[in-house]
Structures are given as C-alpha cells and as structure tokens.
Protein backbone atom coordinates (compact mmCIF):
# COMPACT_ATOMS: atom_id res chain seq x y z
CA UNK A 1 31.06 -12.16 12.58
CA UNK A 2 32.11 -14.48 9.90
CA UNK A 3 29.97 -13.23 6.74
CA UNK A 4 31.96 -15.35 3.89
CA UNK A 5 28.62 -16.60 2.51
CA UNK A 6 27.52 -12.91 2.22
CA UNK A 7 25.41 -12.63 -0.59
CA UNK A 8 27.79 -10.62 -3.29
CA UNK A 9 24.78 -8.15 -4.57
CA UNK A 10 24.55 -6.51 -0.72
CA UNK A 11 26.38 -3.64 -1.95
CA UNK A 12 28.49 -1.33 0.59
CA UNK A 13 27.90 1.70 -0.93
CA UNK A 14 26.22 3.29 -3.98
CA UNK A 15 29.37 3.29 -5.93
CA UNK A 16 29.86 -0.60 -5.25
CA UNK A 17 26.79 -1.11 -6.79
CA UNK A 18 27.26 0.96 -9.81
CA UNK A 19 30.75 -1.07 -10.34
CA UNK A 20 29.05 -4.63 -9.61
CA UNK A 21 28.61 -6.72 -12.87
CA UNK A 22 25.57 -5.27 -14.76
CA UNK A 23 21.91 -7.05 -14.79
CA UNK A 24 21.28 -9.91 -17.35
CA UNK A 25 17.43 -10.50 -16.24
CA UNK A 26 14.62 -8.08 -15.76
CA UNK A 27 11.84 -9.73 -13.97
CA UNK A 28 8.47 -8.06 -14.89
CA UNK A 29 5.02 -8.38 -13.71
CA UNK A 30 2.25 -9.05 -15.82
CA UNK A 31 -1.49 -9.63 -15.35
CA UNK A 32 -4.57 -10.00 -17.19
CA UNK A 33 -7.21 -7.58 -17.23
CA UNK A 34 -10.12 -9.86 -17.68
CA UNK A 35 -9.08 -11.82 -15.40
CA UNK A 36 -9.50 -15.00 -17.66
CA UNK A 37 -5.25 -16.02 -17.50
CA UNK A 38 -3.49 -16.71 -14.71
CA UNK A 39 -1.08 -13.42 -14.19
CA UNK A 40 2.46 -14.25 -14.24
CA UNK A 41 5.92 -13.15 -13.39
CA UNK A 42 7.85 -12.95 -16.22
CA UNK A 43 11.69 -12.88 -17.41
CA UNK A 44 13.42 -10.82 -20.09
CA UNK A 45 16.97 -11.14 -21.48
CA UNK A 46 18.42 -7.97 -20.93
CA UNK A 47 21.73 -9.01 -21.55
CA UNK A 48 22.86 -7.03 -25.01
CA UNK A 49 25.47 -9.72 -25.88
CA UNK A 50 22.83 -12.21 -25.67
CA UNK A 51 20.83 -14.33 -28.74
CA UNK A 52 17.58 -13.80 -26.99
CA UNK A 53 18.24 -10.12 -26.38
CA UNK A 54 14.86 -8.26 -25.78
CA UNK A 55 12.69 -11.50 -25.59
CA UNK A 56 10.88 -13.11 -22.51
CA UNK A 57 13.05 -16.00 -21.35
CA UNK A 58 11.44 -17.35 -18.57
CA UNK A 59 7.10 -17.02 -17.28
CA UNK A 60 5.90 -18.52 -13.89
CA UNK A 61 1.92 -18.00 -13.60
CA UNK A 62 -0.02 -17.76 -9.98
CA UNK A 63 -2.48 -20.04 -9.14
CA UNK A 64 -5.36 -17.76 -8.93
CA UNK A 65 -7.36 -14.99 -11.35
CA UNK A 66 -7.97 -11.78 -10.90
CA UNK A 67 -4.55 -10.75 -8.70
CA UNK A 68 -3.40 -8.17 -10.87
CA UNK A 69 0.07 -8.41 -9.76
CA UNK A 70 1.73 -4.35 -9.30
CA UNK A 71 4.70 -3.19 -7.47
CA UNK A 72 6.70 -6.06 -6.23
CA UNK A 73 10.31 -6.29 -4.63
CA UNK A 74 13.48 -8.24 -3.19
CA UNK A 75 13.17 -10.44 0.14
CA UNK A 76 16.45 -8.81 0.99
CA UNK A 77 18.56 -5.91 -0.20
CA UNK A 78 22.11 -3.90 0.76
CA UNK A 79 20.10 -2.80 3.85
CA UNK A 80 20.87 -6.03 5.60
CA UNK A 81 24.57 -4.73 5.68
CA UNK A 82 23.56 -2.44 8.31
CA UNK A 83 20.82 -4.15 10.57
CA UNK A 84 21.93 -7.35 12.45
CA UNK A 85 18.49 -8.42 13.00
CA UNK A 86 18.40 -9.67 9.21
CA UNK A 87 20.40 -12.34 10.29
CA UNK A 88 22.47 -11.95 7.05
CA UNK A 89 24.83 -14.97 7.29
CA UNK A 90 23.20 -17.30 4.35
CA UNK A 91 20.52 -14.58 3.71
CA UNK A 92 20.55 -13.65 0.23
CA UNK A 93 18.93 -11.64 -2.34
CA UNK A 94 17.12 -14.68 -3.85
CA UNK A 95 12.99 -14.42 -3.40
CA UNK A 96 10.86 -12.31 -5.09
CA UNK A 97 7.57 -11.15 -3.37
CA UNK A 98 5.21 -10.28 -5.78
CA UNK A 99 1.59 -8.96 -4.20
CA UNK A 100 -1.55 -8.92 -6.13
CA UNK A 101 -3.22 -5.63 -5.58
CA UNK A 102 -7.18 -6.95 -6.36
CA UNK A 103 -6.90 -10.34 -4.26
CA UNK A 104 -4.54 -9.16 -1.66
CA UNK A 105 -2.65 -12.44 -1.75
CA UNK A 106 1.01 -12.36 -1.35
CA UNK A 107 3.25 -15.03 -4.23
CA UNK A 108 6.76 -15.28 -3.43
CA UNK A 109 9.15 -16.64 -6.24
CA UNK A 110 12.55 -18.50 -5.81
CA UNK A 111 14.82 -16.85 -8.95
CA UNK A 112 17.36 -19.95 -8.09
CA UNK A 113 18.98 -22.27 -8.83
CA UNK A 114 17.54 -20.72 -12.35
CA UNK A 115 16.99 -17.06 -12.03
CA UNK A 116 15.24 -18.04 -15.77
CA UNK A 117 12.81 -20.16 -14.20
CA UNK A 118 11.56 -18.96 -11.12
CA UNK A 119 9.44 -21.27 -8.97
CA UNK A 120 6.50 -20.20 -6.80
CA UNK A 121 7.69 -21.31 -3.59
CA UNK A 122 4.88 -19.64 -1.19
CA UNK A 123 1.48 -18.08 -0.90
CA UNK A 124 0.75 -15.79 1.75
CA UNK A 125 -3.00 -15.89 1.61
CA UNK A 126 -5.22 -12.81 2.25
CA UNK A 127 -6.57 -14.14 5.08
CA UNK A 128 -3.66 -13.86 7.08
CA UNK A 129 -2.52 -10.25 6.26
CA UNK A 130 -5.67 -9.59 7.38
CA UNK A 131 -5.65 -11.23 10.78
CA UNK A 132 -2.02 -10.79 11.34
CA UNK A 133 -1.28 -6.92 10.41
CA UNK A 134 -4.91 -5.46 9.88
CA UNK A 135 -4.78 -4.70 5.97
CA UNK A 136 -5.66 -5.64 2.34
CA UNK A 137 -4.18 -4.45 -0.76
CA UNK A 138 -0.86 -4.83 -0.50
CA UNK A 139 0.85 -2.84 -2.94
CA UNK A 140 4.85 -1.52 -2.17
CA UNK A 141 7.43 -3.40 -0.23
CA UNK A 142 10.73 -2.75 0.43
CA UNK A 143 13.11 -4.84 2.74
CA UNK A 144 14.29 -2.96 5.93
CA UNK A 145 14.99 -3.21 9.56
CA UNK A 146 13.01 -5.99 11.42
CA UNK A 147 11.87 -7.74 8.06
CA UNK A 148 9.81 -6.85 5.23
CA UNK A 149 7.81 -3.58 4.92
CA UNK A 150 4.60 -3.50 2.94
CA UNK A 151 2.28 -1.00 2.31
CA UNK A 152 -1.34 -1.85 1.96
CA UNK A 153 -4.06 0.30 0.82
CA UNK A 154 -6.94 -1.15 3.03
CA UNK A 155 -7.74 -2.38 6.13
CA UNK A 156 -9.02 -5.68 7.04
CA UNK A 157 -12.43 -7.55 6.93
CA UNK A 158 -13.78 -5.35 4.02
CA UNK A 159 -12.84 -2.01 5.95
CA UNK A 160 -12.15 1.02 3.35
CA UNK A 161 -8.82 1.83 5.91
CA UNK A 162 -6.73 3.19 7.12
CA UNK A 163 -3.80 2.16 5.60
CA UNK A 164 -0.37 1.24 6.07
CA UNK A 165 2.36 -1.03 6.75
CA UNK A 166 2.47 -4.69 7.23
CA UNK A 167 5.64 -5.91 8.78
CA UNK A 168 6.98 -9.77 6.86
CA UNK A 169 9.99 -12.05 7.97
CA UNK A 170 12.30 -11.55 5.65
CA UNK A 171 12.73 -15.45 5.74
CA UNK A 172 9.78 -17.05 6.22
CA UNK A 173 7.84 -14.58 4.51
CA UNK A 174 4.98 -15.16 7.62
CA UNK A 175 3.52 -11.63 8.38
CA UNK A 176 4.14 -10.47 11.78
CA UNK A 177 2.60 -7.44 12.72
CA UNK A 178 1.23 -4.34 11.59
CA UNK A 179 4.43 -1.84 12.02
CA UNK A 180 2.88 1.50 13.21
CA UNK A 181 2.32 1.97 16.64
CA UNK A 182 1.26 5.05 17.12
CA UNK A 183 0.52 6.81 13.49
CA UNK A 184 -1.16 9.91 14.17
CA UNK A 185 -3.28 11.51 12.03
CA UNK A 186 -2.19 9.14 8.67
CA UNK A 187 -4.98 7.57 7.07
CA UNK A 188 -4.49 6.76 3.46
CA UNK A 189 -1.32 5.11 1.85
CA UNK A 190 0.91 4.68 -0.98
CA UNK A 191 4.70 3.91 -0.46
CA UNK A 192 7.22 4.57 1.99
CA UNK A 193 11.25 4.18 2.09
CA UNK A 194 13.17 5.72 4.75
CA UNK A 195 17.13 7.54 5.25
CA UNK A 196 18.20 4.55 7.57
CA UNK A 197 20.73 6.24 9.07
CA UNK A 198 18.58 9.04 10.44
CA UNK A 199 16.07 6.95 11.63
CA UNK A 200 13.07 7.84 9.59
CA UNK A 201 10.66 6.75 7.46
CA UNK A 202 8.86 8.53 4.84
CA UNK A 203 5.26 7.50 3.37
CA UNK A 204 3.02 8.77 1.34
CA UNK A 205 -0.61 9.00 0.38
CA UNK A 206 -2.70 7.90 -3.08
CA UNK A 207 -6.43 6.16 -1.82
CA UNK A 208 -8.35 3.99 -0.19
CA UNK A 209 -9.35 0.95 -2.34
CA UNK A 210 -13.10 2.34 -3.05
CA UNK A 211 -11.23 5.53 -4.32
CA UNK A 212 -9.20 3.62 -7.19
CA UNK A 213 -10.13 0.24 -7.84
CA UNK A 214 -12.99 1.56 -10.22
CA UNK A 215 -10.89 4.12 -11.86
CA UNK A 216 -10.30 7.57 -10.79
CA UNK A 217 -13.53 9.25 -9.37
CA UNK A 218 -13.77 12.61 -10.94
CA UNK A 219 -15.82 13.78 -7.99
CA UNK A 220 -13.72 12.91 -5.43
CA UNK A 221 -10.28 14.34 -7.45
CA UNK A 222 -12.59 17.49 -8.13
CA UNK A 223 -13.27 17.92 -4.32
CA UNK A 224 -9.05 17.36 -3.66
CA UNK A 225 -10.16 13.79 -2.01
CA UNK A 226 -6.94 11.87 -2.99
CA UNK A 227 -3.85 12.09 -0.73
CA UNK A 228 -1.59 15.16 -0.91
CA UNK A 229 0.67 14.59 1.78
CA UNK A 230 3.88 12.82 3.31
CA UNK A 231 4.49 11.69 6.44
CA UNK A 232 8.01 11.09 8.56
CA UNK A 233 7.97 8.24 11.33
CA UNK A 234 10.37 6.99 13.97
CA UNK A 235 11.80 4.03 12.29
CA UNK A 236 12.57 2.12 14.93
CA UNK A 237 9.36 2.75 17.20
CA UNK A 238 6.81 2.68 14.07
CA UNK A 239 5.85 6.11 15.22
CA UNK A 240 4.69 9.38 13.70
CA UNK A 241 6.09 12.22 14.19
CA UNK A 242 5.18 14.88 11.53
CA UNK A 243 2.98 15.38 8.73
CA UNK A 244 3.88 17.66 5.78
CA UNK A 245 1.07 19.14 3.33
CA UNK A 246 1.48 19.57 -0.45
CA UNK A 247 -1.83 21.42 -0.47
CA UNK A 248 -4.69 19.98 -1.10
CA UNK A 249 -5.18 20.69 -4.97
CA UNK A 250 -1.25 18.41 -5.30
CA UNK A 251 -3.82 15.25 -5.63
CA UNK A 252 -1.83 12.07 -5.29
CA UNK A 253 1.66 12.06 -3.66
CA UNK A 254 2.75 8.57 -4.93
CA UNK A 255 6.26 7.96 -5.29
CA UNK A 256 9.09 8.21 -2.96
CA UNK A 257 12.81 8.41 -4.04
CA UNK A 258 14.94 9.11 -1.21
CA UNK A 259 18.96 9.75 -2.06
CA UNK A 260 21.16 6.93 -1.93
CA UNK A 261 23.67 8.73 -0.19
CA UNK A 262 22.97 7.54 3.41
CA UNK A 263 23.99 10.51 5.26
CA UNK A 264 21.60 12.87 2.98
CA UNK A 265 18.46 13.69 4.46
CA UNK A 266 16.62 14.86 1.10
CA UNK A 267 14.59 13.19 -1.22
CA UNK A 268 11.75 13.29 -4.08
CA UNK A 269 7.96 12.55 -4.15
CA UNK A 270 6.04 12.85 -7.47
CA UNK A 271 2.17 14.32 -7.95
CA UNK A 272 0.20 13.31 -10.34
CA UNK A 273 -2.01 16.10 -11.12
CA UNK A 274 -3.30 19.58 -9.78
CA UNK A 275 -6.74 20.04 -9.48
CA UNK A 276 -6.15 23.66 -10.55
CA UNK A 277 -4.23 23.47 -13.73
CA UNK A 278 -4.13 20.07 -14.57
CA UNK A 279 -0.04 20.06 -14.01
CA UNK A 280 1.90 17.54 -12.15
CA UNK A 281 4.87 18.66 -10.15
CA UNK A 282 7.72 16.59 -8.22
CA UNK A 283 8.65 18.23 -4.95
CA UNK A 284 11.53 17.90 -2.69
CA UNK A 285 11.98 17.19 0.93
CA UNK A 286 14.88 17.94 3.24
CA UNK A 287 15.52 17.91 6.94
CA UNK A 288 16.01 21.60 8.54
CA UNK A 289 16.71 22.96 11.70
CA UNK A 290 15.07 19.86 13.40
CA UNK A 291 12.19 19.77 11.37
CA UNK A 292 11.18 18.33 7.74
CA UNK A 293 10.11 20.45 5.14
CA UNK A 294 9.26 19.91 1.17
CA UNK A 295 9.62 22.64 -1.91
CA UNK A 296 8.46 21.97 -5.15
CA UNK A 297 11.33 21.71 -7.52
CA UNK A 298 9.28 20.45 -11.10
CA UNK A 299 6.14 21.56 -12.52
CA UNK A 300 5.42 19.98 -15.70
CA UNK A 301 2.08 21.80 -17.39
CA UNK A 302 -0.61 19.94 -19.11
CA UNK A 303 -0.95 19.89 -23.02
CA UNK A 304 -3.56 21.46 -25.02
CA UNK A 305 -5.46 18.95 -27.03
CA UNK A 306 -8.08 18.76 -29.54
CA UNK A 307 -11.36 17.52 -27.56
CA UNK A 308 -11.99 14.77 -30.37
CA UNK A 309 -8.88 13.07 -29.55
CA UNK A 310 -9.39 12.90 -25.81
CA UNK A 311 -11.21 10.42 -23.45
CA UNK A 312 -14.62 11.16 -22.14
CA UNK A 313 -12.90 11.78 -18.26
CA UNK A 314 -10.74 15.27 -20.10
CA UNK A 315 -12.72 16.31 -23.07
CA UNK A 316 -14.45 19.03 -20.92
CA UNK A 317 -10.68 20.45 -20.51
CA UNK A 318 -9.43 20.63 -23.95
CA UNK A 319 -5.91 18.97 -22.68
CA UNK A 320 -3.72 16.28 -21.68
CA UNK A 321 -2.39 16.36 -18.21
CA UNK A 322 1.13 14.95 -17.88
CA UNK A 323 -0.34 12.38 -15.21
CA UNK A 324 3.49 11.69 -13.40
CA UNK A 325 2.63 8.44 -12.33
CA UNK A 326 6.16 7.38 -11.32
CA UNK A 327 9.94 8.85 -10.53
CA UNK A 328 13.29 7.21 -10.00
CA UNK A 329 16.54 8.54 -9.44
CA UNK A 330 19.96 7.07 -10.25
CA UNK A 331 21.83 5.22 -8.18
CA UNK A 332 24.45 8.29 -8.20
CA UNK A 333 21.62 10.58 -7.21
CA UNK A 334 23.01 12.66 -10.59
CA UNK A 335 19.68 12.06 -12.37
CA UNK A 336 16.19 12.03 -11.73
CA UNK A 337 13.64 9.96 -14.39
CA UNK A 338 9.68 11.58 -14.10
CA UNK A 339 7.19 9.23 -16.12
CA UNK A 340 4.38 11.30 -17.89
CA UNK A 341 2.02 8.49 -18.34
CA UNK A 342 -0.77 10.82 -19.83
CA UNK A 343 1.59 13.06 -22.72
CA UNK A 344 3.86 9.40 -23.26
CA UNK A 345 6.67 11.35 -22.53
CA UNK A 346 9.95 10.27 -19.95
CA UNK A 347 12.19 13.53 -18.78
CA UNK A 348 15.61 13.22 -17.35
CA UNK A 349 16.41 16.28 -14.67
CA UNK A 350 19.96 16.32 -13.48
CA UNK A 351 19.46 17.10 -9.90
CA UNK A 352 23.16 16.92 -8.46
CA UNK A 353 22.08 19.89 -6.84
CA UNK A 354 17.99 18.48 -5.54
CA UNK A 355 16.87 22.14 -5.06
CA UNK A 356 17.32 22.78 -8.47
CA UNK A 357 17.08 20.48 -11.36
CA UNK A 358 17.52 21.17 -14.33
CA UNK A 359 16.21 19.29 -17.78
CA UNK A 360 18.53 17.55 -20.04
CA UNK A 361 16.50 15.09 -21.95
CA UNK A 362 13.24 14.23 -23.18
CA UNK A 363 11.58 10.98 -25.11
CA UNK A 364 8.23 10.27 -26.16
CA UNK A 365 6.72 6.77 -26.56
CA UNK A 366 2.92 6.61 -26.33
CA UNK A 367 0.82 9.18 -24.97
CA UNK A 368 -2.92 9.91 -24.79
CA UNK A 369 -3.03 12.22 -28.26
CA UNK A 370 0.42 11.31 -29.33
CA UNK A 371 0.78 7.67 -29.57
CA UNK A 372 4.51 8.01 -30.13
CA UNK A 373 5.69 4.70 -31.96
CA UNK A 374 8.81 2.74 -30.96
CA UNK A 375 11.59 3.29 -33.47
CA UNK A 376 11.17 -0.58 -33.65
CA UNK A 377 8.01 -0.47 -35.14
CA UNK A 378 7.80 2.83 -36.75
CA UNK A 379 4.40 2.46 -37.79
CA UNK A 380 2.62 0.92 -34.43
CA UNK A 381 1.34 3.96 -32.60
CA UNK A 382 1.80 3.33 -28.82
CA UNK A 383 -1.02 2.97 -26.29
CA UNK A 384 -0.41 3.55 -22.54
CA UNK A 385 3.08 5.74 -22.18
CA UNK A 386 6.19 5.75 -19.77
CA UNK A 387 5.06 4.76 -16.22
CA UNK A 388 6.77 2.46 -14.23
CA UNK A 389 10.67 3.25 -14.52
CA UNK A 390 13.53 1.23 -13.95
CA UNK A 391 17.22 2.34 -13.71
CA UNK A 392 20.24 -0.19 -13.60
CA UNK A 393 22.47 0.47 -10.68
CA UNK A 394 25.06 1.87 -13.39
CA UNK A 395 22.58 4.56 -14.01
CA UNK A 396 23.42 3.44 -17.81
CA UNK A 397 20.21 1.78 -18.49
CA UNK A 398 16.38 3.00 -18.22
CA UNK A 399 13.77 0.44 -18.10
CA UNK A 400 9.90 1.35 -18.90
CA UNK A 401 6.57 -0.46 -19.02
CA UNK A 402 3.02 1.44 -20.19
CA UNK A 403 0.48 0.02 -17.84
CA UNK A 404 -0.84 2.21 -14.65
CA UNK A 405 -3.74 0.07 -13.29
CA UNK A 406 -6.03 -2.11 -15.16
CA UNK A 407 -9.24 0.41 -14.50
CA UNK A 408 -7.34 3.63 -15.02
CA UNK A 409 -5.90 2.28 -18.20
CA UNK A 410 -9.40 1.80 -19.30
CA UNK A 411 -10.44 5.20 -18.98
CA UNK A 412 -7.70 7.43 -20.39
CA UNK A 413 -7.08 4.69 -22.98
CA UNK A 414 -10.72 3.64 -23.50
CA UNK A 415 -8.90 1.66 -27.11
CA UNK A 416 -6.91 -0.71 -25.51
CA UNK A 417 -3.55 -0.30 -23.94
CA UNK A 418 -1.65 -3.41 -25.15
CA UNK A 419 1.46 -4.01 -23.14
CA UNK A 420 5.36 -2.94 -24.15
CA UNK A 421 8.59 -2.37 -22.31
CA UNK A 422 11.42 -0.78 -23.44
CA UNK A 423 15.17 0.33 -22.67
CA UNK A 424 17.03 3.75 -22.73
CA UNK A 425 20.45 3.99 -22.97
CA UNK A 426 21.89 7.31 -21.14
CA UNK A 427 24.72 9.92 -21.52
CA UNK A 428 26.87 10.37 -17.82
CA UNK A 429 26.39 14.11 -19.29
CA UNK A 430 22.46 13.81 -19.64
CA UNK A 431 20.90 12.58 -22.60
CA UNK A 432 19.17 9.12 -23.43
CA UNK A 433 18.29 7.21 -26.96
CA UNK A 434 15.81 4.39 -27.10
CA UNK A 435 17.07 0.87 -28.07
CA UNK A 436 15.69 -0.05 -31.48
CA UNK A 437 17.02 -3.49 -31.00
CA UNK A 438 14.62 -3.73 -27.62
CA UNK A 439 11.09 -4.06 -27.80
CA UNK A 440 8.94 -6.56 -26.29
CA UNK A 441 5.46 -5.81 -26.83
CA UNK A 442 1.89 -7.29 -26.83
CA UNK A 443 2.06 -11.30 -27.44
CA UNK A 444 5.34 -11.70 -26.52
CA UNK A 445 3.49 -10.83 -23.37
CA UNK A 446 1.19 -13.71 -24.25
CA UNK A 447 -1.76 -10.66 -24.03
CA UNK A 448 -0.96 -9.54 -20.28
CA UNK A 449 -0.15 -5.95 -19.32
CA UNK A 450 2.92 -5.36 -17.90
CA UNK A 451 3.52 -3.48 -14.67
CA UNK A 452 6.62 -2.79 -12.86
CA UNK A 453 10.25 -4.14 -13.37
CA UNK A 454 12.66 -5.62 -10.97
CA UNK A 455 16.48 -6.48 -12.13
CA UNK A 456 18.76 -8.94 -11.43
CA UNK A 457 21.15 -8.23 -8.45
CA UNK A 458 19.45 -5.35 -7.63
CA UNK A 459 18.36 -1.90 -9.08
CA UNK A 460 17.99 1.90 -8.05
CA UNK A 461 14.75 1.79 -6.61
CA UNK A 462 15.03 -0.97 -4.30
CA UNK A 463 18.14 -1.00 -2.66
CA UNK A 464 19.23 1.33 0.63
CA UNK A 465 22.77 1.71 0.97
CA UNK A 466 24.21 2.28 4.56
CA UNK A 467 28.10 3.54 4.11
CA UNK A 468 29.82 6.29 1.95
C-alpha cells in the first residue's frame, strides 16, 4: 500500500520520535471555574528561539459555558502505523478532541492550516454520547485500534455509572458505540491505555460523577469507596479478563503509563492517597506466568505541617498529603515524573530498572503550605502545584500546569489556585532545572485556570509505538 502522504509525525519507534524536530507549540486547556466566561483552547509558544517564547499566541473559545475543559488529545497517533483499521492514507495528527468534563460535550479543534489559530470544526453533543455509547462525563482519550477510545466517568440519562469507554470514529468523530462487550466487575472508570502488541487494554478507577463533582468527600475517602483497582482487557474483543486490587486503602488509582517499548509488558499507575497514613504511591504492573500482577515501587510520605496553615479538610491531620495526581514516563522509558500536587513537588525517578525506581531530582513549585515561587517571580507565592505533566518526545523538556479539578482546587487551595505553567529542562543523567524565562500565568490565560498540555507533533503520554 502506498503511504506517500503519511503524516511525518507518525513515528515507527520511540527512538524515531525522539529524533524528530522538537515541538514549537503547546496546546493548553483553559476553563472558567465560575462558568461566566467561555472555556478555551490556548496555544503557547514553546520555541526558545522565538520572540514570543513563553507567551500565549493563540486562543479559541468554545460556545457554551461551564464545560470545564479537562483532558484532551489528538485524533490519531503513531499507532496508526500498526492498525490498518485507521485508514491511515490521508489521515493526520491534525485535530484535537477536547471534552467538557462537566457538560459532556466534545469539541473538535482543527489545528490546520495555522497551528497558532485552531478552529472549532465540530461539536459532539452530550446527547449523542449518551444515546450511542451510554456514557457521560468524558475524561481521557487515546487513539487506538478501531478509532478513538474515550473514557467516561458516568452513565447516560443522569445515572451515576457504570463508567467506561466510548468509541469514536477517528475521522468523522461520530460516537460509534460502547467499547466494552463484557465489563466483568468493572464499575468505576478513569484512564485507559494499552500494550498494543499484547492485545491488552488497561483501565483504572477514580469515582462516579456524584463522588467527585462537588469535591473530595471525606466520608467516602475514609470508607475507602474511591477506586483502588486496575483492570486488564482483551483489546480486540472489549472483554474484561482480570481485576487487580491495589488494596482498598490505596484510594484513587489514576494515571496509567505503559512502557513505550512495544514488546514490554509493564507500566506504572499512580495512587493519590493512602487512608492509612496519607502517603501517595506508584505501582508497577507486569505480566508473569500468564497473569497480570502489581507491586508498589514508590512510596511518598505526607509532610507534617502546622494545622493553622492547612485548609479545613486537612487540619485534623496536621500534615500535607503529597496527592500524586499525575505521573508521566519519558519516551525512552528512562525517567518517571511524579507530580505531588499537595506538597508542590515534582519528583524525577530513574526507572531503567522499572522494578526498582531511584529518585534523581526534585523541584518545588506552589504547594498547600510551601507556596514555592517560580524563579521568574521570586516574590510571588504560588498556589496549586505541579499537576498535569507532559514530556517532550526527546525527553529534554517537562511541562507543568497547576489546576487539578475546580472543586478540588477550591477545597485544598481555598484562597485561590490561580493559573500558571512552567517548563523544566532535564539532564540525560538525571536532574532538572526550571526555565526562568518561561512562566505564563494568571492574566496571560485571561484569568482562566489551566489543566492539560498537548504538544505539537505528539508527546510522551499520547503516542503508542508499534515497532522497536
């Protein structure tokens, strides 16, 4: 088959992706907590040689209020090289699909012909998502076999669940169907990723809409009611195969980061908090003797704090939990980055031996108590903390944004979370430093909060490679 018109950002391997030209733009979801201004897809210049480096150079609003744009992603990625079902001839990494977590609408942005000025090309209404897939509250998406996989937290017609995966056409963006054919014991949903060459999908758990939309509910947390398991599925059949429990005290098993090596059968999942001691953790899954297993490979303890400095939810504990809300694995599978949104810390771990991570660096920005400032504004205490993490394909840059989820922001940072974005430069032998010349914040984003970042040409958390 002739693939002469193949998108050059489809990379056969992780090494090819790392060698490709670097990103020049970052797309950042921005939302209005008060639902008085439209949410927007913003574009930030990330080319160090540009006169507008570190500035917002594009801004496209969505037409409805109160969406809370959250996680989003590309219509296609490098996995198109493996699956002919993608109809890759003429298909390009061109469209960003941006869900409204509260509205359940999906907004499709065309980043061509001018990548700095995306245009809103289609809206998939919540009614279509409900009618065709039986879901609401779309959260995370990845391009894969058969189309775009959209994980959703809620059920249709106002039901709280079960959550699961809706399948979208990667060209028309129409909702095709519910992906699962046999969900087994799965009920709670959050993320989904896969090992393509092993025909295995992995999914994780947060909570239903009623459990999360008004903030963290202490009674549910202390009763261990949030998600604490990961699930393994037959990717082709949509059939549940195995549930692996991390222990009910390990609440909110969220971000999944499989190895980028297509032949590997391991990955990491982050756990927000333990109800035993407020610690956070990272677990490794792996495949041994025909079954999937997990083991805890990183534990991050809570930090003691003066109760007078803590928000009401934490005063009785006299400590700040790390609250690991995102993890990201570099494309070369060498370093794992762990965001501790509560303590305001980003940790870097050497994971070349994934069973035995070793911390190699740490940077502080924000934090419930620390409020560590950015070096570009040393007298400006920061709220929020490293939250969503995105890594460049060559593993040299790490991008951070600071908002978790509006009601959770308000709970843990009741005096306001603001908005900021930062970039760190990494050392191939371990280590990272904050770029002092890159600090878009607050009014740069027109007073909106910022959540996830996607990088032009692909990034560490959105591409699957099918060849070594």
